[in-house]
PDB file of N, CA and C in Angstrom:
ATOM      1  N   UNK A   1       0.016  44.729  -4.661  1.00  0.00           N
ATOM      2  CA  UNK A   1      -1.543  44.831  -4.572  1.00  0.00           C
ATOM      3  C   UNK A   1      -2.068  45.991  -5.479  1.00  0.00           C
ATOM      4  N   UNK A   2      -3.079  45.739  -6.182  1.00  0.00           N
ATOM      5  CA  UNK A   2      -3.783  46.601  -7.024  1.00  0.00           C
ATOM      6  C   UNK A   2      -4.515  47.639  -6.356  1.00  0.00           C
ATOM      7  N   UNK A   3      -4.274  48.754  -6.433  1.00  0.00           N
ATOM      8  CA  UNK A   3      -5.307  49.999  -5.776  1.00  0.00           C
ATOM      9  C   UNK A   3      -6.494  50.065  -6.582  1.00  0.00           C
ATOM     10  N   UNK A   4      -7.602  50.252  -5.839  1.00  0.00           N
ATOM     11  CA  UNK A   4      -9.113  50.181  -6.387  1.00  0.00           C
ATOM     12  C   UNK A   4      -9.302  51.687  -6.887  1.00  0.00           C
ATOM     13  N   UNK A   5      -9.962  51.625  -7.964  1.00  0.00           N
ATOM     14  CA  UNK A   5     -10.236  52.935  -8.585  1.00  0.00           C
ATOM     15  C   UNK A   5     -11.823  53.411  -8.350  1.00  0.00           C
ATOM     16  N   UNK A   6     -11.827  54.409  -7.314  1.00  0.00           N
ATOM     17  CA  UNK A   6     -13.498  54.714  -7.012  1.00  0.00           C
ATOM     18  C   UNK A   6     -14.071  55.164  -8.161  1.00  0.00           C
ATOM     19  N   UNK A   7     -13.740  55.714  -9.241  1.00  0.00           N
ATOM     20  CA  UNK A   7     -14.251  56.031 -10.363  1.00  0.00           C
ATOM     21  C   UNK A   7     -14.968  54.815 -11.003  1.00  0.00           C
ATOM     22  N   UNK A   8     -13.992  53.783 -11.199  1.00  0.00           N
ATOM     23  CA  UNK A   8     -14.776  52.649 -11.827  1.00  0.00           C
ATOM     24  C   UNK A   8     -15.853  52.024 -11.068  1.00  0.00           C
ATOM     25  N   UNK A   9     -15.828  52.002  -9.817  1.00  0.00           N
ATOM     26  CA  UNK A   9     -16.862  51.468  -9.118  1.00  0.00           C
ATOM     27  C   UNK A   9     -18.012  52.291  -9.258  1.00  0.00           C
ATOM     28  N   UNK A  10     -17.740  53.692  -9.119  1.00  0.00           N
ATOM     29  CA  UNK A  10     -18.750  54.564  -9.152  1.00  0.00           C
ATOM     30  C   UNK A  10     -19.518  54.407 -10.370  1.00  0.00           C
ATOM     31  N   UNK A  11     -18.901  54.437 -11.710  1.00  0.00           N
ATOM     32  CA  UNK A  11     -19.391  54.339 -13.053  1.00  0.00           C
ATOM     33  C   UNK A  11     -20.069  53.087 -13.144  1.00  0.00           C
ATOM     34  N   UNK A  12     -19.560  51.793 -12.735  1.00  0.00           N
ATOM     35  CA  UNK A  12     -20.343  50.727 -13.073  1.00  0.00           C
ATOM     36  C   UNK A  12     -21.641  50.517 -12.112  1.00  0.00           C
ATOM     37  N   UNK A  13     -21.560  51.223 -10.940  1.00  0.00           N
ATOM     38  CA  UNK A  13     -22.599  51.170  -9.960  1.00  0.00           C
ATOM     39  C   UNK A  13     -23.786  52.113 -10.758  1.00  0.00           C
ATOM     40  N   UNK A  14     -23.365  53.114 -11.362  1.00  0.00           N
ATOM     41  CA  UNK A  14     -24.385  54.117 -11.826  1.00  0.00           C
ATOM     42  C   UNK A  14     -25.000  53.266 -13.307  1.00  0.00           C
ATOM     43  N   UNK A  15     -24.094  52.206 -13.791  1.00  0.00           N
ATOM     44  CA  UNK A  15     -24.652  51.635 -14.936  1.00  0.00           C
ATOM     45  C   UNK A  15     -25.780  50.815 -14.419  1.00  0.00           C
ATOM     46  N   UNK A  16     -25.686  50.029 -13.182  1.00  0.00           N
ATOM     47  CA  UNK A  16     -26.584  49.087 -12.632  1.00  0.00           C
ATOM     48  C   UNK A  16     -27.532  49.718 -11.926  1.00  0.00           C
ATOM     49  N   UNK A  17     -27.439  50.937 -11.318  1.00  0.00           N
ATOM     50  CA  UNK A  17     -28.661  51.559 -10.604  1.00  0.00           C
ATOM     51  C   UNK A  17     -29.539  52.307 -11.693  1.00  0.00           C
ATOM     52  N   UNK A  18     -28.902  52.864 -12.864  1.00  0.00           N
ATOM     53  CA  UNK A  18     -29.676  53.502 -13.908  1.00  0.00           C
ATOM     54  C   UNK A  18     -30.529  54.572 -13.392  1.00  0.00           C
ATOM     55  N   UNK A  19     -31.947  54.717 -13.678  1.00  0.00           N
ATOM     56  CA  UNK A  19     -32.663  55.888 -13.175  1.00  0.00           C
ATOM     57  C   UNK A  19     -33.529  55.424 -12.104  1.00  0.00           C
ATOM     58  N   UNK A  20     -32.919  54.251 -11.298  1.00  0.00           N
ATOM     59  CA  UNK A  20     -33.871  53.648 -10.118  1.00  0.00           C
ATOM     60  C   UNK A  20     -33.310  53.858  -8.654  1.00  0.00           C
ATOM     61  N   UNK A  21     -32.573  54.976  -8.387  1.00  0.00           N
ATOM     62  CA  UNK A  21     -31.709  54.840  -7.151  1.00  0.00           C
ATOM     63  C   UNK A  21     -32.550  54.423  -5.865  1.00  0.00           C
ATOM     64  N   UNK A  22     -33.719  54.913  -5.918  1.00  0.00           N
ATOM     65  CA  UNK A  22     -34.660  54.885  -4.611  1.00  0.00           C
ATOM     66  C   UNK A  22     -34.819  53.413  -4.469  1.00  0.00           C
ATOM     67  N   UNK A  23     -35.547  52.901  -5.722  1.00  0.00           N
ATOM     68  CA  UNK A  23     -35.977  51.385  -5.534  1.00  0.00           C
ATOM     69  C   UNK A  23     -34.653  50.617  -5.325  1.00  0.00           C
ATOM     70  N   UNK A  24     -33.671  50.692  -6.061  1.00  0.00           N
ATOM     71  CA  UNK A  24     -32.263  50.075  -6.019  1.00  0.00           C
ATOM     72  C   UNK A  24     -31.891  50.028  -4.402  1.00  0.00           C
ATOM     73  N   UNK A  25     -31.927  50.983  -3.713  1.00  0.00           N
ATOM     74  CA  UNK A  25     -31.295  51.146  -2.381  1.00  0.00           C
ATOM     75  C   UNK A  25     -32.500  50.058  -1.429  1.00  0.00           C
ATOM     76  N   UNK A  26     -33.572  50.359  -1.777  1.00  0.00           N
ATOM     77  CA  UNK A  26     -34.618  49.442  -1.097  1.00  0.00           C
ATOM     78  C   UNK A  26     -34.307  48.267  -0.967  1.00  0.00           C
ATOM     79  N   UNK A  27     -34.286  47.812  -2.303  1.00  0.00           N
ATOM     80  CA  UNK A  27     -34.032  46.310  -2.871  1.00  0.00           C
ATOM     81  C   UNK A  27     -32.911  45.874  -2.159  1.00  0.00           C
ATOM     82  N   UNK A  28     -31.749  46.532  -2.143  1.00  0.00           N
ATOM     83  CA  UNK A  28     -30.466  45.901  -1.517  1.00  0.00           C
ATOM     84  C   UNK A  28     -30.463  46.189  -0.110  1.00  0.00           C
ATOM     85  N   UNK A  29     -31.500  46.955   0.504  1.00  0.00           N
ATOM     86  CA  UNK A  29     -31.441  47.181   1.922  1.00  0.00           C
ATOM     87  C   UNK A  29     -30.383  48.428   2.390  1.00  0.00           C
ATOM     88  N   UNK A  30     -30.133  49.373   1.571  1.00  0.00           N
ATOM     89  CA  UNK A  30     -29.325  50.342   1.972  1.00  0.00           C
ATOM     90  C   UNK A  30     -30.052  51.763   1.822  1.00  0.00           C
ATOM     91  N   UNK A  31     -29.612  52.624   2.775  1.00  0.00           N
ATOM     92  CA  UNK A  31     -30.377  54.025   2.382  1.00  0.00           C
ATOM     93  C   UNK A  31     -29.982  54.644   0.938  1.00  0.00           C
ATOM     94  N   UNK A  32     -30.956  55.412   0.738  1.00  0.00           N
ATOM     95  CA  UNK A  32     -30.729  56.320  -0.572  1.00  0.00           C
ATOM     96  C   UNK A  32     -29.309  57.233  -0.691  1.00  0.00           C
ATOM     97  N   UNK A  33     -29.107  57.580   0.664  1.00  0.00           N
ATOM     98  CA  UNK A  33     -27.893  58.484   0.659  1.00  0.00           C
ATOM     99  C   UNK A  33     -26.554  57.686   0.679  1.00  0.00           C
ATOM    100  N   UNK A  34     -26.802  56.379   0.832  1.00  0.00           N
ATOM    101  CA  UNK A  34     -25.416  55.601   0.628  1.00  0.00           C
ATOM    102  C   UNK A  34     -25.440  55.496  -0.867  1.00  0.00           C
ATOM    103  N   UNK A  35     -26.528  55.011  -1.523  1.00  0.00           N
ATOM    104  CA  UNK A  35     -26.144  54.770  -2.903  1.00  0.00           C
ATOM    105  C   UNK A  35     -25.712  55.984  -3.864  1.00  0.00           C
ATOM    106  N   UNK A  36     -26.381  57.349  -3.212  1.00  0.00           N
ATOM    107  CA  UNK A  36     -25.609  58.300  -3.991  1.00  0.00           C
ATOM    108  C   UNK A  36     -24.026  58.373  -3.366  1.00  0.00           C
ATOM    109  N   UNK A  37     -23.712  58.384  -2.254  1.00  0.00           N
ATOM    110  CA  UNK A  37     -22.333  58.319  -1.877  1.00  0.00           C
ATOM    111  C   UNK A  37     -21.541  57.142  -2.565  1.00  0.00           C
ATOM    112  N   UNK A  38     -22.084  56.032  -2.890  1.00  0.00           N
ATOM    113  CA  UNK A  38     -21.429  54.886  -3.710  1.00  0.00           C
ATOM    114  C   UNK A  38     -21.393  55.621  -5.326  1.00  0.00           C
ATOM    115  N   UNK A  39     -22.182  56.358  -5.703  1.00  0.00           N
ATOM    116  CA  UNK A  39     -22.144  56.693  -7.028  1.00  0.00           C
ATOM    117  C   UNK A  39     -21.474  57.755  -7.159  1.00  0.00           C
ATOM    118  N   UNK A  40     -20.857  58.573  -6.045  1.00  0.00           N
ATOM    119  CA  UNK A  40     -19.938  59.374  -6.095  1.00  0.00           C
ATOM    120  C   UNK A  40     -18.678  59.388  -5.806  1.00  0.00           C
ATOM    121  N   UNK A  41     -18.472  57.910  -5.639  1.00  0.00           N
ATOM    122  CA  UNK A  41     -16.837  57.767  -5.450  1.00  0.00           C
ATOM    123  C   UNK A  41     -16.556  56.904  -4.094  1.00  0.00           C
ATOM    124  N   UNK A  42     -17.633  56.863  -3.194  1.00  0.00           N
ATOM    125  CA  UNK A  42     -17.245  55.972  -1.942  1.00  0.00           C
ATOM    126  C   UNK A  42     -17.460  54.702  -2.454  1.00  0.00           C
ATOM    127  N   UNK A  43     -16.467  53.806  -1.713  1.00  0.00           N
ATOM    128  CA  UNK A  43     -16.236  52.239  -2.163  1.00  0.00           C
ATOM    129  C   UNK A  43     -17.186  51.600  -1.047  1.00  0.00           C
ATOM    130  N   UNK A  44     -18.241  50.851  -1.647  1.00  0.00           N
ATOM    131  CA  UNK A  44     -19.212  50.025  -0.782  1.00  0.00           C
ATOM    132  C   UNK A  44     -18.075  48.937   0.186  1.00  0.00           C
ATOM    133  N   UNK A  45     -18.839  48.768   1.165  1.00  0.00           N
ATOM    134  CA  UNK A  45     -18.247  47.593   2.133  1.00  0.00           C
ATOM    135  C   UNK A  45     -18.500  46.398   1.126  1.00  0.00           C
ATOM    136  N   UNK A  46     -17.684  45.268   1.686  1.00  0.00           N
ATOM    137  CA  UNK A  46     -17.784  44.026   1.105  1.00  0.00           C
ATOM    138  C   UNK A  46     -19.024  43.522   1.073  1.00  0.00           C
ATOM    139  N   UNK A  47     -19.921  43.564   2.330  1.00  0.00           N
ATOM    140  CA  UNK A  47     -21.203  43.067   2.416  1.00  0.00           C
ATOM    141  C   UNK A  47     -22.012  43.993   1.545  1.00  0.00           C
ATOM    142  N   UNK A  48     -22.146  44.945   1.388  1.00  0.00           N
ATOM    143  CA  UNK A  48     -22.951  45.771   0.575  1.00  0.00           C
ATOM    144  C   UNK A  48     -22.677  45.411  -0.967  1.00  0.00           C
ATOM    145  N   UNK A  49     -21.448  45.485  -1.087  1.00  0.00           N
ATOM    146  CA  UNK A  49     -20.958  44.963  -2.502  1.00  0.00           C
ATOM    147  C   UNK A  49     -21.533  43.682  -3.014  1.00  0.00           C
ATOM    148  N   UNK A  50     -21.483  42.815  -1.984  1.00  0.00           N
ATOM    149  CA  UNK A  50     -21.980  41.322  -2.365  1.00  0.00           C
ATOM    150  C   UNK A  50     -23.399  41.506  -2.735  1.00  0.00           C
ATOM    151  N   UNK A  51     -24.236  42.348  -1.941  1.00  0.00           N
ATOM    152  CA  UNK A  51     -25.556  42.603  -2.080  1.00  0.00           C
ATOM    153  C   UNK A  51     -26.136  43.101  -3.733  1.00  0.00           C
ATOM    154  N   UNK A  52     -25.004  44.236  -4.001  1.00  0.00           N
ATOM    155  CA  UNK A  52     -25.348  44.710  -5.209  1.00  0.00           C
ATOM    156  C   UNK A  52     -25.148  43.765  -6.409  1.00  0.00           C
ATOM    157  N   UNK A  53     -23.646  42.840  -6.143  1.00  0.00           N
ATOM    158  CA  UNK A  53     -23.458  41.957  -7.107  1.00  0.00           C
ATOM    159  C   UNK A  53     -24.494  40.903  -7.170  1.00  0.00           C
ATOM    160  N   UNK A  54     -25.443  40.319  -6.308  1.00  0.00           N
ATOM    161  CA  UNK A  54     -26.319  39.503  -6.158  1.00  0.00           C
ATOM    162  C   UNK A  54     -27.245  40.058  -6.986  1.00  0.00           C
ATOM    163  N   UNK A  55     -27.905  41.224  -6.645  1.00  0.00           N
ATOM    164  CA  UNK A  55     -29.183  41.794  -7.270  1.00  0.00           C
ATOM    165  C   UNK A  55     -28.718  42.115  -8.677  1.00  0.00           C
ATOM    166  N   UNK A  56     -27.720  42.748  -8.978  1.00  0.00           N
ATOM    167  CA  UNK A  56     -27.342  43.148 -10.360  1.00  0.00           C
ATOM    168  C   UNK A  56     -27.239  41.869 -11.233  1.00  0.00           C
ATOM    169  N   UNK A  57     -26.692  40.651 -10.721  1.00  0.00           N
ATOM    170  CA  UNK A  57     -26.363  39.515 -11.613  1.00  0.00           C
ATOM    171  C   UNK A  57     -24.810  39.732 -12.096  1.00  0.00           C
ATOM    172  N   UNK A  58     -24.042  40.738 -11.642  1.00  0.00           N
ATOM    173  CA  UNK A  58     -22.875  40.939 -11.987  1.00  0.00           C
ATOM    174  C   UNK A  58     -21.654  40.589 -11.006  1.00  0.00           C
ATOM    175  N   UNK A  59     -20.802  39.725 -11.127  1.00  0.00           N
ATOM    176  CA  UNK A  59     -19.741  39.470 -10.290  1.00  0.00           C
ATOM    177  C   UNK A  59     -18.979  40.641  -9.506  1.00  0.00           C
ATOM    178  N   UNK A  60     -18.708  40.243  -8.286  1.00  0.00           N
ATOM    179  CA  UNK A  60     -18.275  41.423  -7.596  1.00  0.00           C
ATOM    180  C   UNK A  60     -16.787  42.344  -8.199  1.00  0.00           C
ATOM    181  N   UNK A  61     -16.144  41.331  -9.016  1.00  0.00           N
ATOM    182  CA  UNK A  61     -15.082  41.630  -9.479  1.00  0.00           C
ATOM    183  C   UNK A  61     -15.151  42.799 -10.612  1.00  0.00           C
ATOM    184  N   UNK A  62     -16.354  42.738 -11.199  1.00  0.00           N
ATOM    185  CA  UNK A  62     -16.720  43.543 -12.436  1.00  0.00           C
ATOM    186  C   UNK A  62     -16.841  44.839 -11.849  1.00  0.00           C
ATOM    187  N   UNK A  63     -17.196  45.371 -10.692  1.00  0.00           N
ATOM    188  CA  UNK A  63     -17.501  46.523 -10.032  1.00  0.00           C
ATOM    189  C   UNK A  63     -15.842  46.932  -9.647  1.00  0.00           C
ATOM    190  N   UNK A  64     -15.041  46.237  -9.408  1.00  0.00           N
ATOM    191  CA  UNK A  64     -13.820  46.547  -8.882  1.00  0.00           C
ATOM    192  C   UNK A  64     -12.606  46.643  -9.936  1.00  0.00           C
ATOM    193  N   UNK A  65     -12.685  45.942 -10.984  1.00  0.00           N
ATOM    194  CA  UNK A  65     -11.650  46.107 -12.029  1.00  0.00           C
ATOM    195  C   UNK A  65     -11.892  47.137 -13.193  1.00  0.00           C
ATOM    196  N   UNK A  66     -10.905  47.857 -13.467  1.00  0.00           N
ATOM    197  CA  UNK A  66     -10.959  48.780 -14.344  1.00  0.00           C
ATOM    198  C   UNK A  66     -10.827  48.333 -15.947  1.00  0.00           C
ATOM    199  N   UNK A  67     -10.265  47.398 -16.000  1.00  0.00           N
ATOM    200  CA  UNK A  67     -10.178  46.891 -17.610  1.00  0.00           C
ATOM    201  C   UNK A  67     -11.062  45.632 -17.835  1.00  0.00           C
ATOM    202  N   UNK A  68     -11.423  45.471 -19.163  1.00  0.00           N
ATOM    203  CA  UNK A  68     -12.056  44.312 -19.339  1.00  0.00           C
ATOM    204  C   UNK A  68     -11.235  43.222 -19.201  1.00  0.00           C
ATOM    205  N   UNK A  69     -11.834  42.025 -18.697  1.00  0.00           N
ATOM    206  CA  UNK A  69     -10.986  40.806 -18.290  1.00  0.00           C
ATOM    207  C   UNK A  69     -11.306  39.660 -19.443  1.00  0.00           C
ATOM    208  N   UNK A  70     -10.611  39.252 -20.137  1.00  0.00           N
ATOM    209  CA  UNK A  70     -11.113  38.295 -21.093  1.00  0.00           C
ATOM    210  C   UNK A  70     -10.263  36.882 -20.854  1.00  0.00           C
ATOM    211  N   UNK A  71     -11.135  35.840 -20.982  1.00  0.00           N
ATOM    212  CA  UNK A  71     -10.354  34.581 -20.837  1.00  0.00           C
ATOM    213  C   UNK A  71     -10.727  33.782 -22.140  1.00  0.00           C
ATOM    214  N   UNK A  72      -9.598  33.444 -22.726  1.00  0.00           N
ATOM    215  CA  UNK A  72      -9.883  32.238 -23.989  1.00  0.00           C
ATOM    216  C   UNK A  72     -10.317  31.016 -23.408  1.00  0.00           C
ATOM    217  N   UNK A  73     -11.222  30.601 -23.945  1.00  0.00           N
ATOM    218  CA  UNK A  73     -11.593  29.012 -23.934  1.00  0.00           C
ATOM    219  C   UNK A  73     -10.564  28.203 -24.762  1.00  0.00           C
ATOM    220  N   UNK A  74      -9.829  27.161 -24.391  1.00  0.00           N
ATOM    221  CA  UNK A  74      -9.171  26.321 -25.198  1.00  0.00           C
ATOM    222  C   UNK A  74      -9.883  25.352 -26.156  1.00  0.00           C
ATOM    223  N   UNK A  75      -9.679  25.560 -27.558  1.00  0.00           N
ATOM    224  CA  UNK A  75     -10.061  24.862 -28.440  1.00  0.00           C
ATOM    225  C   UNK A  75     -11.477  25.225 -28.953  1.00  0.00           C
ATOM    226  N   UNK A  76     -11.875  26.582 -28.628  1.00  0.00           N
ATOM    227  CA  UNK A  76     -13.056  27.213 -29.199  1.00  0.00           C
ATOM    228  C   UNK A  76     -12.687  28.553 -29.493  1.00  0.00           C
ATOM    229  N   UNK A  77     -13.729  29.072 -30.282  1.00  0.00           N
ATOM    230  CA  UNK A  77     -13.661  30.562 -30.690  1.00  0.00           C
ATOM    231  C   UNK A  77     -14.510  31.482 -29.924  1.00  0.00           C
ATOM    232  N   UNK A  78     -14.671  31.056 -28.671  1.00  0.00           N
ATOM    233  CA  UNK A  78     -15.517  31.985 -27.730  1.00  0.00           C
ATOM    234  C   UNK A  78     -14.459  32.650 -26.773  1.00  0.00           C
ATOM    235  N   UNK A  79     -14.934  33.725 -26.271  1.00  0.00           N
ATOM    236  CA  UNK A  79     -14.080  34.283 -25.179  1.00  0.00           C
ATOM    237  C   UNK A  79     -15.055  34.970 -24.539  1.00  0.00           C
ATOM    238  N   UNK A  80     -14.782  34.575 -23.041  1.00  0.00           N
ATOM    239  CA  UNK A  80     -15.741  35.028 -21.997  1.00  0.00           C
ATOM    240  C   UNK A  80     -15.060  36.219 -21.396  1.00  0.00           C
ATOM    241  N   UNK A  81     -16.034  37.161 -21.030  1.00  0.00           N
ATOM    242  CA  UNK A  81     -15.559  38.594 -20.711  1.00  0.00           C
ATOM    243  C   UNK A  81     -16.592  38.981 -19.663  1.00  0.00           C
ATOM    244  N   UNK A  82     -16.215  39.663 -18.810  1.00  0.00           N
ATOM    245  CA  UNK A  82     -17.112  40.144 -17.587  1.00  0.00           C
ATOM    246  C   UNK A  82     -17.685  41.350 -18.218  1.00  0.00           C
ATOM    247  N   UNK A  83     -17.529  42.067 -19.406  1.00  0.00           N
ATOM    248  CA  UNK A  83     -18.284  43.298 -19.516  1.00  0.00           C
ATOM    249  C   UNK A  83     -19.367  43.131 -20.605  1.00  0.00           C
ATOM    250  N   UNK A  84     -19.251  41.832 -21.154  1.00  0.00           N
ATOM    251  CA  UNK A  84     -20.451  41.582 -21.980  1.00  0.00           C
ATOM    252  C   UNK A  84     -21.617  41.366 -21.092  1.00  0.00           C
ATOM    253  N   UNK A  85     -22.832  41.613 -21.624  1.00  0.00           N
ATOM    254  CA  UNK A  85     -24.073  41.445 -20.771  1.00  0.00           C
ATOM    255  C   UNK A  85     -24.342  39.950 -20.416  1.00  0.00           C
ATOM    256  N   UNK A  86     -24.052  38.912 -21.210  1.00  0.00           N
ATOM    257  CA  UNK A  86     -24.165  37.672 -21.206  1.00  0.00           C
ATOM    258  C   UNK A  86     -22.882  36.971 -20.445  1.00  0.00           C
ATOM    259  N   UNK A  87     -21.771  37.480 -20.444  1.00  0.00           N
ATOM    260  CA  UNK A  87     -20.786  37.128 -20.092  1.00  0.00           C
ATOM    261  C   UNK A  87     -19.686  36.326 -20.926  1.00  0.00           C
ATOM    262  N   UNK A  88     -20.362  36.149 -22.252  1.00  0.00           N
ATOM    263  CA  UNK A  88     -19.661  35.387 -23.180  1.00  0.00           C
ATOM    264  C   UNK A  88     -19.882  36.224 -24.760  1.00  0.00           C
ATOM    265  N   UNK A  89     -18.500  36.362 -25.274  1.00  0.00           N
ATOM    266  CA  UNK A  89     -18.473  36.937 -26.438  1.00  0.00           C
ATOM    267  C   UNK A  89     -18.119  35.728 -27.694  1.00  0.00           C
ATOM    268  N   UNK A  90     -18.699  35.842 -28.565  1.00  0.00           N
ATOM    269  CA  UNK A  90     -18.307  34.858 -29.692  1.00  0.00           C
ATOM    270  C   UNK A  90     -17.573  35.550 -30.737  1.00  0.00           C
ATOM    271  N   UNK A  91     -16.216  34.853 -30.974  1.00  0.00           N
ATOM    272  CA  UNK A  91     -15.341  35.423 -31.828  1.00  0.00           C
ATOM    273  C   UNK A  91     -15.866  35.397 -33.356  1.00  0.00           C
ATOM    274  N   UNK A  92     -15.777  36.386 -34.111  1.00  0.00           N
ATOM    275  CA  UNK A  92     -16.270  36.280 -35.517  1.00  0.00           C
ATOM    276  C   UNK A  92     -15.269  35.770 -36.326  1.00  0.00           C
TER     277      UNK A  92
END
C-alpha cells in the first residue's frame, strides 16, 4: 500500500484554496482553522476530501497522488492527465 504524502495534499489544497481560505471553508462547511490545518499538512477525512473535490472540480485522487498520472487513449494522440486543468492534454 502506498503511503500518503501530507505535503502533496497540502500543496494541492493551497492551489485550490488560493487567496480565499475563509470563503472556501464556509463553502465546504468546515472551520477556517480546519482549512489552515489541512494546508499545513493534516490530511482531511474522506468526507471532507470528498466535499473539497466536488467543490473544486478535481478528483479526490488528484489531492492524494504525488506524481502526474497519464493515461494514453488507444488510437489517438490525446493523453488524459489529472494535472491539466481540463483533464486532457493533446500531444503535439
